[in-house]
Amino acid sequence: MSALPTVAIVGRPNVGKSTLVNRIIGRREAIVEERPGVTRDRNEIDAEWLGHEFTLIDTGGWMADEDGDDLDAKVSRQSEKAIADADVVLFVVDAAVGATADDQLVADLIRRIDTPCFLVANKVDNEKQQHLIWDLLNLGVGDPMPVSALHGVGTADLLDEIVAVLPEPEFEEEDDDPNRIFGVSIVGRPNVGKSTLFNRLIGEDRAVVHDMPGTTRDSIDTIVETDGGPLRFIDTAGMRRKAKVDQETEYYSLVRALRSVDKSDVALLVIDATIGVTAQDQRLAERVDASGCPIVVVLNKWELLDADGRDAAMTGVERKLHFLGESPILRISALTGKSVNKLWPALSEAIEAYSTRIPTRKVNQVIRAAQVAQAAPEGGRVLYATQGATDPPTFTLFANKELPRTYLRYLERSLREAFDMGNTPIKLRVRRR
């Protein structure tokens, strides 16, 4: 397995950083909108040019401390960390506006490092605008390269320059199965503490945490080494009801969050215990359950409840999320870290069940015993059964005729109980012989 070199894209807000990211990777991954502050977290995306692979780091807009609020300051710190850690830096400036005071401050940061840097003069759409770039020379970070991220002008030349200075990938010793890293998505309504929990679990202040719904616009993830092996944690944007998603930005955040759930092996469903299970929580739980991955219910902000509030919160979960079956329910405080350590064994058990492989002989023993205890209606019978896949456990049943859904649910429950698979989704495929 190799660690790809990194290219950080930095600059003040609204100069076209995310548009440049999308142009380089050739698809709409970073969220773009014509107003500052849309990108708030570091978003890491793998890219390739002429056979050279690298990781793009799309950062939030850098602002001077006196120009923004507490959230802006945290976003700026993320940009500064990206500059310090990257192998190559792309400093994006709006050529149509010219060098601003904030641009000069970013340039001051870049001049302190030895990392190769390219000054990208964005929004130069044609040759008539070429003269705009020369005013940027006073930033003191090299010759500006004119591009139009929106139209693609000059981006190929820029990429040629980037790959020419990229370091070679660093190869690490491979594990037995280096390509199989289980994904854990952290999902929930806005402002329930997902990013705080994400930071607590990965042990690094990587997602921007602020008491404002929707601060996480992109799904971001990182791999964490645990006692049970590496896990990939995905911090998704807060999910809202579709009727409330009236901005293009939030629409793409929702799409990306649901895509993250679909790619996950386990989902942590975070609920604000001080509010209880809402109708939005119910619908979200149904959506995640339908994706086919195990769910661990996380009641966050537990420390803020008294005894009566805790009883009410548990009653609400049991009543409104009953369809999740045997999903574990953990009561934690992401802010203080209390009981967060209980997530690790819960995740380990869910992943173990999700990747369970059962010998064919034992599968058939359970199916035969289930049919003896309760025969299928109208002479239906499973002649043979085998497990065809894991993640989730998938069983193929060879039957003499079509089996009713109610009977298939009975067989599924029999397999689940026999092999102690908890709340792990089980798929049954029926083939007629």
Protein backbone atom coordinates (compact mmCIF):
# COMPACT_ATOMS: atom_id res chain seq x y z
CA MET A 1 0.00 0.00 0.00
CA SER A 2 1.32 3.45 -0.86
CA ALA A 3 0.85 6.87 0.68
CA LEU A 4 0.11 9.27 -2.15
CA PRO A 5 1.78 12.70 -2.27
CA THR A 6 -0.53 15.55 -1.31
CA VAL A 7 -1.42 18.79 -3.11
CA ALA A 8 -3.10 21.43 -0.94
CA ILE A 9 -5.33 24.04 -2.59
CA VAL A 10 -5.41 27.16 -0.42
CA GLY A 11 -6.44 30.79 -0.60
CA ARG A 12 -8.95 33.25 0.76
CA PRO A 13 -12.70 32.54 0.40
CA ASN A 14 -14.48 32.57 -2.96
CA VAL A 15 -11.48 32.52 -5.30
CA GLY A 16 -12.53 29.25 -6.97
CA LYS A 17 -10.61 26.60 -5.01
CA SER A 18 -13.38 23.99 -5.10
CA THR A 19 -14.06 24.71 -8.79
CA LEU A 20 -10.40 23.97 -9.45
CA VAL A 21 -10.67 20.71 -7.50
CA ASN A 22 -13.63 19.62 -9.61
CA ARG A 23 -11.80 20.58 -12.80
CA ILE A 24 -8.72 18.53 -11.85
CA ILE A 25 -10.63 15.38 -10.87
CA GLY A 26 -13.12 15.72 -13.73
CA ARG A 27 -16.31 15.46 -11.69
CA ARG A 28 -18.38 17.45 -9.23
CA GLU A 29 -17.06 16.25 -5.89
CA ALA A 30 -16.31 19.47 -4.02
CA ILE A 31 -19.37 21.64 -3.43
CA VAL A 32 -19.32 24.91 -5.36
CA GLU A 33 -21.52 27.93 -4.84
CA GLU A 34 -21.08 31.61 -5.63
CA ARG A 35 -20.64 32.79 -2.08
CA PRO A 36 -17.78 32.52 0.40
CA GLY A 37 -17.55 29.92 3.14
CA VAL A 38 -19.08 26.92 1.37
CA THR A 39 -16.03 24.72 1.95
CA ARG A 40 -15.33 24.51 5.67
CA ASP A 41 -13.57 21.18 6.27
CA ARG A 42 -10.47 19.76 4.67
CA ASN A 43 -11.75 17.47 1.93
CA GLU A 44 -9.24 14.93 0.61
CA ILE A 45 -9.80 13.51 -2.89
CA ASP A 46 -7.55 11.21 -4.92
CA ALA A 47 -6.62 12.48 -8.38
CA GLU A 48 -4.43 11.42 -11.31
CA TRP A 49 -2.65 13.14 -14.19
CA LEU A 50 -0.55 11.39 -16.86
CA GLY A 51 -0.17 8.31 -14.69
CA HIS A 52 0.83 10.27 -11.57
CA GLU A 53 -1.50 9.74 -8.61
CA PHE A 54 -1.83 12.25 -5.78
CA THR A 55 -4.28 13.42 -3.12
CA LEU A 56 -5.90 16.84 -3.43
CA ILE A 57 -6.68 18.67 -0.20
CA ASP A 58 -9.51 21.16 -0.71
CA THR A 59 -9.47 23.63 2.17
CA GLY A 60 -11.82 26.27 3.47
CA GLY A 61 -11.05 29.89 2.74
CA TRP A 62 -8.31 31.45 4.88
CA MET A 63 -9.28 34.65 6.71
CA ALA A 64 -7.43 36.94 9.07
CA ASP A 65 -8.57 36.47 12.68
CA GLU A 66 -9.95 39.99 12.91
CA ASP A 67 -12.06 39.50 9.77
CA GLY A 68 -14.07 36.47 10.87
CA ASP A 69 -15.76 34.72 13.75
CA ASP A 70 -14.74 31.66 15.77
CA LEU A 71 -15.79 29.27 13.02
CA ASP A 72 -13.78 31.19 10.42
CA ALA A 73 -10.74 31.01 12.69
CA LYS A 74 -11.03 27.21 12.92
CA VAL A 75 -11.36 26.96 9.14
CA SER A 76 -8.25 29.11 8.73
CA ARG A 77 -6.29 26.85 11.09
CA GLN A 78 -7.24 23.88 8.89
CA SER A 79 -5.84 25.73 5.86
CA GLU A 80 -2.60 26.49 7.70
CA LYS A 81 -2.22 22.83 8.68
CA ALA A 82 -2.78 21.78 5.07
CA ILE A 83 -0.04 24.19 3.94
CA ALA A 84 2.38 22.78 6.51
CA ASP A 85 1.65 19.11 5.69
CA ALA A 86 1.39 19.19 1.86
CA ASP A 87 4.03 18.14 -0.66
CA VAL A 88 2.87 20.81 -3.12
CA VAL A 89 0.78 23.95 -2.49
CA LEU A 90 -1.53 25.64 -4.99
CA PHE A 91 -2.14 29.22 -3.88
CA VAL A 92 -5.31 30.33 -5.69
CA VAL A 93 -5.96 34.04 -6.26
CA ASP A 94 -8.83 35.76 -8.10
CA ALA A 95 -7.02 37.52 -10.95
CA ALA A 96 -10.06 39.63 -11.76
CA VAL A 97 -9.99 41.13 -8.26
CA GLY A 98 -6.22 41.32 -7.87
CA ALA A 99 -4.12 40.80 -4.76
CA THR A 100 -5.99 41.65 -1.58
CA ALA A 101 -4.75 42.13 1.97
CA ASP A 102 -5.84 38.57 2.83
CA ASP A 103 -3.99 37.24 -0.23
CA GLN A 104 -0.86 38.96 1.05
CA LEU A 105 -1.24 37.33 4.46
CA VAL A 106 -1.60 33.87 2.87
CA ALA A 107 1.50 34.61 0.80
CA ASP A 108 3.36 35.47 4.02
CA LEU A 109 2.48 32.00 5.38
CA ILE A 110 3.63 30.26 2.20
CA ARG A 111 6.98 32.07 2.09
CA ARG A 112 7.85 30.52 5.47
CA ILE A 113 7.87 26.97 4.09
CA ASP A 114 10.18 25.18 1.65
CA THR A 115 7.34 23.29 -0.07
CA PRO A 116 6.98 23.84 -3.84
CA CYS A 117 4.20 26.35 -4.44
CA PHE A 118 2.35 27.48 -7.56
CA LEU A 119 0.56 30.81 -7.66
CA VAL A 120 -2.68 30.10 -9.55
CA ALA A 121 -4.26 33.19 -11.10
CA ASN A 122 -7.84 31.97 -11.46
CA LYS A 123 -10.69 33.42 -13.55
CA VAL A 124 -8.48 34.29 -16.52
CA ASP A 125 -10.98 33.15 -19.13
CA ASN A 126 -9.25 34.35 -22.32
CA GLU A 127 -6.11 35.99 -23.71
CA LYS A 128 -7.56 39.48 -23.28
CA GLN A 129 -7.39 38.98 -19.51
CA GLN A 130 -3.77 37.78 -19.44
CA HIS A 131 -2.53 41.20 -18.35
CA LEU A 132 -4.37 40.79 -15.03
CA ILE A 133 -1.83 38.31 -13.70
CA TRP A 134 1.18 40.60 -13.53
CA ASP A 135 -0.16 42.60 -10.60
CA LEU A 136 0.09 39.37 -8.59
CA LEU A 137 3.88 39.33 -8.78
CA ASN A 138 4.04 41.56 -5.70
CA LEU A 139 2.82 38.62 -3.61
CA GLY A 140 6.37 37.29 -3.80
CA VAL A 141 5.55 33.61 -4.30
CA GLY A 142 6.66 33.16 -7.90
CA ASP A 143 5.24 33.74 -11.35
CA PRO A 144 1.45 33.48 -11.57
CA MET A 145 -0.01 30.75 -13.77
CA PRO A 146 -3.22 31.91 -15.49
CA VAL A 147 -6.11 29.44 -15.45
CA SER A 148 -9.88 29.36 -15.66
CA ALA A 149 -11.00 26.60 -13.34
CA LEU A 150 -14.57 27.04 -14.56
CA HIS A 151 -13.75 26.63 -18.26
CA GLY A 152 -10.59 24.50 -17.99
CA VAL A 153 -8.26 27.03 -19.59
CA GLY A 154 -4.64 26.49 -18.48
CA THR A 155 -5.38 23.64 -16.06
CA ALA A 156 -3.50 21.05 -18.15
CA ASP A 157 -0.36 23.20 -18.09
CA LEU A 158 -0.75 23.64 -14.34
CA LEU A 159 -1.06 19.86 -13.82
CA ASP A 160 2.06 19.26 -15.92
CA GLU A 161 3.98 21.55 -13.58
CA ILE A 162 2.54 19.88 -10.48
CA VAL A 163 3.42 16.29 -11.42
CA ALA A 164 6.93 17.40 -12.39
CA VAL A 165 7.69 18.26 -8.74
CA LEU A 166 5.62 15.60 -6.96
CA PRO A 167 7.63 13.22 -4.78
CA GLU A 168 7.39 9.50 -5.44
CA PRO A 169 4.73 7.62 -3.40
CA GLU A 170 5.99 6.10 -0.17
CA PHE A 171 5.37 2.37 -0.10
CA GLU A 172 4.42 0.73 3.16
CA GLU A 173 4.46 -2.93 4.14
CA GLU A 174 1.25 -4.58 2.97
CA ASP A 175 -1.18 -6.29 5.29
CA ASP A 176 -2.74 -9.65 4.44
CA ASP A 177 -5.66 -7.83 2.83
CA PRO A 178 -4.63 -4.20 2.36
CA ASN A 179 -7.62 -3.35 0.22
CA ARG A 180 -10.22 -4.33 2.81
CA ILE A 181 -10.73 -1.55 5.31
CA PHE A 182 -14.15 -1.44 6.92
CA GLY A 183 -15.95 1.87 6.61
CA VAL A 184 -17.88 3.44 9.49
CA SER A 185 -20.15 6.35 8.59
CA ILE A 186 -21.26 8.82 11.26
CA VAL A 187 -24.75 9.99 10.35
CA GLY A 188 -27.48 12.04 11.96
CA ARG A 189 -29.44 15.25 11.81
CA PRO A 190 -27.53 18.55 11.80
CA ASN A 191 -26.03 19.69 15.08
CA VAL A 192 -26.25 16.44 17.03
CA GLY A 193 -22.48 16.22 17.60
CA LYS A 194 -21.29 14.11 14.66
CA SER A 195 -18.12 16.11 14.01
CA THR A 196 -17.30 16.22 17.72
CA LEU A 197 -17.62 12.43 17.85
CA PHE A 198 -15.58 12.11 14.64
CA ASN A 199 -12.74 14.13 16.18
CA ARG A 200 -12.95 12.15 19.41
CA LEU A 201 -12.67 8.85 17.54
CA ILE A 202 -9.82 9.79 15.21
CA GLY A 203 -7.88 11.67 17.87
CA GLU A 204 -7.21 14.71 15.68
CA ASP A 205 -9.00 18.02 15.33
CA ARG A 206 -9.70 17.44 11.66
CA ALA A 207 -13.40 18.20 11.14
CA VAL A 208 -14.50 21.74 11.94
CA VAL A 209 -16.65 21.66 15.08
CA HIS A 210 -18.94 24.58 15.75
CA ASP A 211 -22.37 25.02 17.31
CA MET A 212 -24.05 25.73 13.99
CA PRO A 213 -26.09 23.23 11.94
CA GLY A 214 -24.54 22.26 8.63
CA THR A 215 -20.90 23.21 9.22
CA THR A 216 -19.83 19.93 7.62
CA ARG A 217 -20.71 20.35 3.94
CA ASP A 218 -18.66 17.49 2.49
CA SER A 219 -18.27 13.92 3.69
CA ILE A 220 -14.70 13.58 4.94
CA ASP A 221 -13.00 10.44 6.16
CA THR A 222 -9.82 9.18 7.70
CA ILE A 223 -8.34 5.79 8.54
CA VAL A 224 -7.72 5.00 12.20
CA GLU A 225 -5.60 2.13 13.51
CA THR A 226 -7.49 0.24 16.22
CA ASP A 227 -6.86 -2.92 18.22
CA GLY A 228 -9.18 -4.69 15.79
CA GLY A 229 -7.41 -3.38 12.69
CA PRO A 230 -7.77 -0.23 10.56
CA LEU A 231 -11.16 1.46 10.29
CA ARG A 232 -12.21 4.20 7.88
CA PHE A 233 -14.39 6.79 9.62
CA ILE A 234 -16.64 8.98 7.49
CA ASP A 235 -18.02 12.22 8.90
CA THR A 236 -21.08 13.05 6.79
CA ALA A 237 -22.93 16.31 6.37
CA GLY A 238 -26.00 16.65 8.56
CA MET A 239 -29.04 15.15 6.89
CA ARG A 240 -32.25 17.18 6.74
CA ARG A 241 -35.67 16.42 5.39
CA LYS A 242 -35.81 16.92 1.61
CA ALA A 243 -38.48 19.58 2.03
CA LYS A 244 -35.93 21.61 4.01
CA VAL A 245 -33.14 21.20 1.45
CA ASP A 246 -33.87 24.32 -0.58
CA GLN A 247 -30.29 25.29 -1.36
CA GLU A 248 -28.15 23.66 -4.01
CA THR A 249 -25.31 23.34 -1.52
CA GLU A 250 -27.37 21.35 0.98
CA TYR A 251 -28.78 19.18 -1.81
CA TYR A 252 -25.33 18.02 -2.85
CA SER A 253 -24.35 17.57 0.81
CA LEU A 254 -27.35 15.27 1.26
CA VAL A 255 -26.52 13.30 -1.87
CA ARG A 256 -22.93 12.85 -0.75
CA ALA A 257 -23.95 11.83 2.77
CA LEU A 258 -26.34 9.17 1.47
CA ARG A 259 -23.62 7.94 -0.90
CA SER A 260 -21.28 7.60 2.09
CA VAL A 261 -23.88 5.50 3.91
CA ASP A 262 -24.26 3.22 0.89
CA LYS A 263 -20.49 2.60 0.84
CA SER A 264 -20.22 1.97 4.58
CA ASP A 265 -20.04 -1.34 6.39
CA VAL A 266 -21.35 0.04 9.70
CA ALA A 267 -23.27 3.22 10.51
CA LEU A 268 -23.19 5.15 13.77
CA LEU A 269 -26.61 6.82 14.02
CA VAL A 270 -26.06 9.82 16.28
CA ILE A 271 -29.11 11.20 18.12
CA ASP A 272 -29.28 14.22 20.41
CA ALA A 273 -30.42 12.66 23.68
CA THR A 274 -31.62 16.02 25.00
CA ILE A 275 -34.16 16.21 22.17
CA GLY A 276 -34.95 12.52 21.74
CA VAL A 277 -35.85 10.60 18.60
CA THR A 278 -37.50 12.93 16.11
CA ALA A 279 -39.43 12.12 12.95
CA GLN A 280 -36.30 13.02 10.98
CA ASP A 281 -34.29 10.54 13.06
CA GLN A 282 -36.84 7.85 12.26
CA ARG A 283 -36.72 8.49 8.52
CA LEU A 284 -32.94 8.61 8.55
CA ALA A 285 -32.78 5.33 10.47
CA GLU A 286 -35.06 3.75 7.88
CA ARG A 287 -32.84 5.00 5.06
CA VAL A 288 -29.67 3.71 6.69
CA ASP A 289 -31.32 0.38 7.54
CA ALA A 290 -32.36 0.01 3.90
CA SER A 291 -28.74 0.45 2.81
CA GLY A 292 -27.94 -2.96 4.27
CA CYS A 293 -25.30 -2.11 6.87
CA PRO A 294 -25.48 -2.69 10.65
CA ILE A 295 -26.45 0.28 12.80
CA VAL A 296 -25.14 1.31 16.21
CA VAL A 297 -27.45 3.85 17.84
CA VAL A 298 -25.50 6.57 19.68
CA LEU A 299 -27.36 8.76 22.17
CA ASN A 300 -25.09 11.79 22.44
CA LYS A 301 -25.10 14.56 25.09
CA TRP A 302 -26.16 11.99 27.69
CA GLU A 303 -24.42 13.95 30.43
CA LEU A 304 -26.95 16.77 30.08
CA LEU A 305 -29.94 14.62 31.15
CA ASP A 306 -31.29 13.93 34.60
CA ALA A 307 -32.75 10.55 35.62
CA ASP A 308 -36.21 11.29 34.21
CA GLY A 309 -34.75 12.59 30.96
CA ARG A 310 -32.66 9.46 30.53
CA ASP A 311 -35.67 7.20 31.05
CA ALA A 312 -37.63 9.23 28.50
CA ALA A 313 -34.77 9.07 25.97
CA MET A 314 -34.49 5.28 26.22
CA THR A 315 -38.26 4.84 25.98
CA GLY A 316 -38.27 6.99 22.84
CA VAL A 317 -35.58 4.88 21.19
CA GLU A 318 -37.33 1.60 22.03
CA ARG A 319 -40.67 2.90 20.75
CA LYS A 320 -39.64 4.86 17.66
CA LEU A 321 -36.67 2.79 16.46
CA HIS A 322 -38.08 -0.65 17.22
CA PHE A 323 -37.58 -1.69 13.56
CA LEU A 324 -33.80 -1.69 14.10
CA GLY A 325 -34.17 -4.88 16.11
CA GLU A 326 -31.13 -5.78 18.20
CA SER A 327 -29.05 -2.74 17.28
CA PRO A 328 -26.84 -1.74 20.24
CA ILE A 329 -27.73 1.53 21.97
CA LEU A 330 -24.81 3.45 23.46
CA ARG A 331 -25.13 6.49 25.74
CA ILE A 332 -22.15 8.79 25.43
CA SER A 333 -20.79 12.31 25.62
CA ALA A 334 -18.73 13.08 22.55
CA LEU A 335 -17.74 16.41 24.09
CA THR A 336 -16.25 14.99 27.31
CA GLY A 337 -15.38 11.56 25.93
CA LYS A 338 -17.42 9.73 28.57
CA SER A 339 -18.32 6.18 27.45
CA VAL A 340 -16.98 6.78 23.92
CA ASN A 341 -14.62 3.83 24.49
CA LYS A 342 -17.69 1.55 24.44
CA LEU A 343 -18.02 2.21 20.73
CA TRP A 344 -14.96 0.13 19.91
CA PRO A 345 -16.29 -3.28 21.09
CA ALA A 346 -19.70 -2.47 19.58
CA LEU A 347 -18.08 -1.73 16.22
CA SER A 348 -15.88 -4.80 16.48
CA GLU A 349 -18.88 -7.06 17.09
CA ALA A 350 -20.86 -5.48 14.25
CA ILE A 351 -17.96 -5.85 11.81
CA GLU A 352 -17.30 -9.44 12.87
CA ALA A 353 -20.92 -10.37 12.24
CA TYR A 354 -20.97 -8.43 8.96
CA SER A 355 -18.03 -10.45 7.62
CA THR A 356 -19.15 -13.80 9.06
CA ARG A 357 -18.46 -16.85 6.88
CA ILE A 358 -20.44 -19.98 7.85
CA PRO A 359 -19.60 -23.49 6.57
CA THR A 360 -22.17 -24.91 4.17
CA ARG A 361 -22.75 -27.94 6.38
CA LYS A 362 -23.83 -25.77 9.32
CA VAL A 363 -26.05 -23.59 7.11
CA ASN A 364 -27.93 -26.66 5.90
CA GLN A 365 -28.27 -28.01 9.43
CA VAL A 366 -30.01 -24.83 10.55
CA ILE A 367 -32.27 -24.69 7.46
CA ARG A 368 -33.30 -28.34 7.87
CA ALA A 369 -34.06 -27.85 11.56
CA ALA A 370 -36.12 -24.74 10.77
CA GLN A 371 -38.14 -26.62 8.14
CA VAL A 372 -38.80 -29.50 10.53
CA ALA A 373 -40.04 -27.04 13.16
CA GLN A 374 -42.23 -25.20 10.65
CA ALA A 375 -42.77 -26.39 7.11
CA ALA A 376 -43.25 -23.96 4.24
CA PRO A 377 -46.82 -23.57 2.94
CA GLU A 378 -48.10 -25.44 -0.13
CA GLY A 379 -45.31 -27.99 -0.17
CA GLY A 380 -42.47 -25.51 -0.56
CA ARG A 381 -39.08 -26.76 0.56
CA VAL A 382 -35.43 -25.67 0.58
CA LEU A 383 -33.39 -28.49 -0.93
CA TYR A 384 -29.94 -27.02 -0.33
CA ALA A 385 -28.42 -23.83 1.05
CA THR A 386 -25.02 -22.17 0.99
CA GLN A 387 -23.45 -18.84 1.87
CA GLY A 388 -22.36 -17.14 -1.33
CA ALA A 389 -20.90 -13.90 0.02
CA THR A 390 -20.09 -11.78 3.07
CA ASP A 391 -20.42 -8.06 3.80
CA PRO A 392 -23.31 -8.59 4.45
CA PRO A 393 -23.80 -12.36 4.84
CA THR A 394 -25.65 -13.53 1.72
CA PHE A 395 -27.23 -16.98 1.46
CA THR A 396 -28.48 -18.78 -1.63
CA LEU A 397 -31.42 -21.15 -1.09
CA PHE A 398 -32.19 -23.76 -3.74
CA ALA A 399 -35.91 -24.49 -3.46
CA ASN A 400 -38.47 -26.62 -5.29
CA LYS A 401 -40.86 -23.66 -5.71
CA GLU A 402 -41.37 -20.00 -4.84
CA LEU A 403 -41.28 -19.35 -1.08
CA PRO A 404 -43.48 -16.67 0.55
CA ARG A 405 -41.75 -13.63 2.04
CA THR A 406 -43.08 -14.46 5.48
CA TYR A 407 -41.37 -17.86 5.36
CA LEU A 408 -38.13 -16.33 4.12
CA ARG A 409 -38.20 -13.95 7.08
CA TYR A 410 -38.61 -16.99 9.33
CA LEU A 411 -35.57 -18.67 7.76
CA GLU A 412 -33.59 -15.44 8.05
CA ARG A 413 -34.43 -15.18 11.75
CA SER A 414 -33.41 -18.83 12.23
CA LEU A 415 -29.99 -18.17 10.65
CA ARG A 416 -29.52 -14.97 12.63
CA GLU A 417 -30.26 -16.64 15.96
CA ALA A 418 -28.27 -19.80 15.23
CA PHE A 419 -25.10 -17.92 14.34
CA ASP A 420 -25.52 -14.96 16.70
CA MET A 421 -25.40 -12.32 13.98
CA GLY A 422 -27.21 -9.67 15.99
CA ASN A 423 -28.55 -6.82 13.87
CA THR A 424 -26.36 -7.54 10.83
CA PRO A 425 -28.39 -7.47 7.62
CA ILE A 426 -28.83 -10.87 5.97
CA LYS A 427 -29.64 -11.35 2.31
CA LEU A 428 -31.47 -14.43 1.05
CA ARG A 429 -31.52 -15.36 -2.63
CA VAL A 430 -33.88 -18.10 -3.77
CA ARG A 431 -33.24 -20.21 -6.85
CA ARG A 432 -35.75 -22.77 -8.10
CA ARG A 433 -34.64 -26.28 -8.97
